[in-house]
Amino acid sequence: MNLKQIRMEKGLTVQQLADSADLPKRTVENILRNGDCLVSNAIKLADALGVTLDELCRENPEQTETE
């Protein structure tokens, strides 16, 4: 998951991201530490960051499974 990298690029603190995604700060911290989360939380994070789920979750978002 590319959450930390994208968060840093956007210049957001963990608290700011949590507030934007309407998630508890502790949940965002756990996702950053563990690298995985519920799909519903991933959608909230992607929306808050203005990225797609592919950009957030895939190691190489330019590459799809059909390639």
C-alpha atoms as a PDB file:
ATOM      1  CA  MET A   1       0.000   0.000   0.000  1.00  0.00           C
ATOM      2  CA  ASN A   2       1.275   3.441  -0.970  1.00  0.00           C
ATOM      3  CA  LEU A   3      -0.512   5.342   1.787  1.00  0.00           C
ATOM      4  CA  LYS A   4       2.525   6.795   3.533  1.00  0.00           C
ATOM      5  CA  GLN A   5       4.143   7.963   0.306  1.00  0.00           C
ATOM      6  CA  ILE A   6       0.965   9.607  -0.986  1.00  0.00           C
ATOM      7  CA  ARG A   7       0.208  11.186   2.388  1.00  0.00           C
ATOM      8  CA  MET A   8       3.699  12.674   2.531  1.00  0.00           C
ATOM      9  CA  GLU A   9       3.462  13.960  -1.076  1.00  0.00           C
ATOM     10  CA  LYS A  10       0.189  15.706  -0.193  1.00  0.00           C
ATOM     11  CA  GLY A  11       1.791  17.198   2.934  1.00  0.00           C
ATOM     12  CA  LEU A  12      -0.824  15.779   5.296  1.00  0.00           C
ATOM     13  CA  THR A  13      -0.354  14.715   8.877  1.00  0.00           C
ATOM     14  CA  VAL A  14      -1.895  11.462  10.066  1.00  0.00           C
ATOM     15  CA  GLN A  15      -4.528  13.479  11.937  1.00  0.00           C
ATOM     16  CA  GLN A  16      -5.392  15.578   8.875  1.00  0.00           C
ATOM     17  CA  LEU A  17      -5.781  12.452   6.753  1.00  0.00           C
ATOM     18  CA  ALA A  18      -7.890  10.769   9.408  1.00  0.00           C
ATOM     19  CA  ASP A  19     -10.158  13.814   9.623  1.00  0.00           C
ATOM     20  CA  SER A  20     -10.485  14.057   5.830  1.00  0.00           C
ATOM     21  CA  ALA A  21     -11.260  10.350   5.513  1.00  0.00           C
ATOM     22  CA  ASP A  22     -13.648  10.395   8.493  1.00  0.00           C
ATOM     23  CA  LEU A  23     -11.641   7.654  10.193  1.00  0.00           C
ATOM     24  CA  PRO A  24     -10.164   7.475  13.687  1.00  0.00           C
ATOM     25  CA  LYS A  25      -6.499   8.476  13.847  1.00  0.00           C
ATOM     26  CA  ARG A  26      -5.709   5.111  15.425  1.00  0.00           C
ATOM     27  CA  THR A  27      -7.207   3.304  12.404  1.00  0.00           C
ATOM     28  CA  VAL A  28      -5.022   5.282  10.001  1.00  0.00           C
ATOM     29  CA  GLU A  29      -1.964   4.592  12.179  1.00  0.00           C
ATOM     30  CA  ASN A  30      -2.747   0.861  12.118  1.00  0.00           C
ATOM     31  CA  ILE A  31      -3.155   0.899   8.333  1.00  0.00           C
ATOM     32  CA  LEU A  32       0.170   2.700   7.934  1.00  0.00           C
ATOM     33  CA  ARG A  33       1.877   0.161  10.205  1.00  0.00           C
ATOM     34  CA  ASN A  34       0.262  -3.011   8.834  1.00  0.00           C
ATOM     35  CA  GLY A  35      -0.131  -2.042   5.192  1.00  0.00           C
ATOM     36  CA  ASP A  36      -3.630  -3.450   4.813  1.00  0.00           C
ATOM     37  CA  CYS A  37      -7.194  -2.481   5.649  1.00  0.00           C
ATOM     38  CA  LEU A  38     -10.854  -2.990   4.928  1.00  0.00           C
ATOM     39  CA  VAL A  39     -11.960  -2.063   1.420  1.00  0.00           C
ATOM     40  CA  SER A  40     -14.394   0.474   2.890  1.00  0.00           C
ATOM     41  CA  ASN A  41     -11.514   2.229   4.655  1.00  0.00           C
ATOM     42  CA  ALA A  42      -9.345   2.115   1.529  1.00  0.00           C
ATOM     43  CA  ILE A  43     -12.138   3.838  -0.405  1.00  0.00           C
ATOM     44  CA  LYS A  44     -12.383   6.570   2.235  1.00  0.00           C
ATOM     45  CA  LEU A  45      -8.611   7.081   2.190  1.00  0.00           C
ATOM     46  CA  ALA A  46      -8.411   7.155  -1.609  1.00  0.00           C
ATOM     47  CA  ASP A  47     -11.237   9.702  -1.761  1.00  0.00           C
ATOM     48  CA  ALA A  48      -9.609  11.860   0.919  1.00  0.00           C
ATOM     49  CA  LEU A  49      -6.289  11.767  -0.937  1.00  0.00           C
ATOM     50  CA  GLY A  50      -7.805  12.313  -4.375  1.00  0.00           C
ATOM     51  CA  VAL A  51      -6.339   9.112  -5.819  1.00  0.00           C
ATOM     52  CA  THR A  52      -7.733   5.878  -7.215  1.00  0.00           C
ATOM     53  CA  LEU A  53      -7.765   2.608  -5.306  1.00  0.00           C
ATOM     54  CA  ASP A  54      -5.171   1.306  -7.769  1.00  0.00           C
ATOM     55  CA  GLU A  55      -2.863   4.217  -6.982  1.00  0.00           C
ATOM     56  CA  LEU A  56      -3.354   3.663  -3.261  1.00  0.00           C
ATOM     57  CA  CYS A  57      -3.137  -0.119  -3.146  1.00  0.00           C
ATOM     58  CA  ARG A  58      -1.088  -1.465  -6.049  1.00  0.00           C
ATOM     59  CA  GLU A  59       2.676  -1.572  -5.956  1.00  0.00           C
ATOM     60  CA  ASN A  60       2.769  -0.495  -9.606  1.00  0.00           C
ATOM     61  CA  PRO A  61      -0.545   1.241 -10.405  1.00  0.00           C
ATOM     62  CA  GLU A  62       0.353   1.703 -14.081  1.00  0.00           C
ATOM     63  CA  GLN A  63       0.347  -2.065 -14.560  1.00  0.00           C
ATOM     64  CA  THR A  64      -2.964  -3.909 -14.605  1.00  0.00           C
ATOM     65  CA  GLU A  65      -3.549  -7.604 -14.121  1.00  0.00           C
ATOM     66  CA  THR A  66      -4.445  -8.030 -17.814  1.00  0.00           C
ATOM     67  CA  GLU A  67      -0.994  -6.913 -18.968  1.00  0.00           C
END
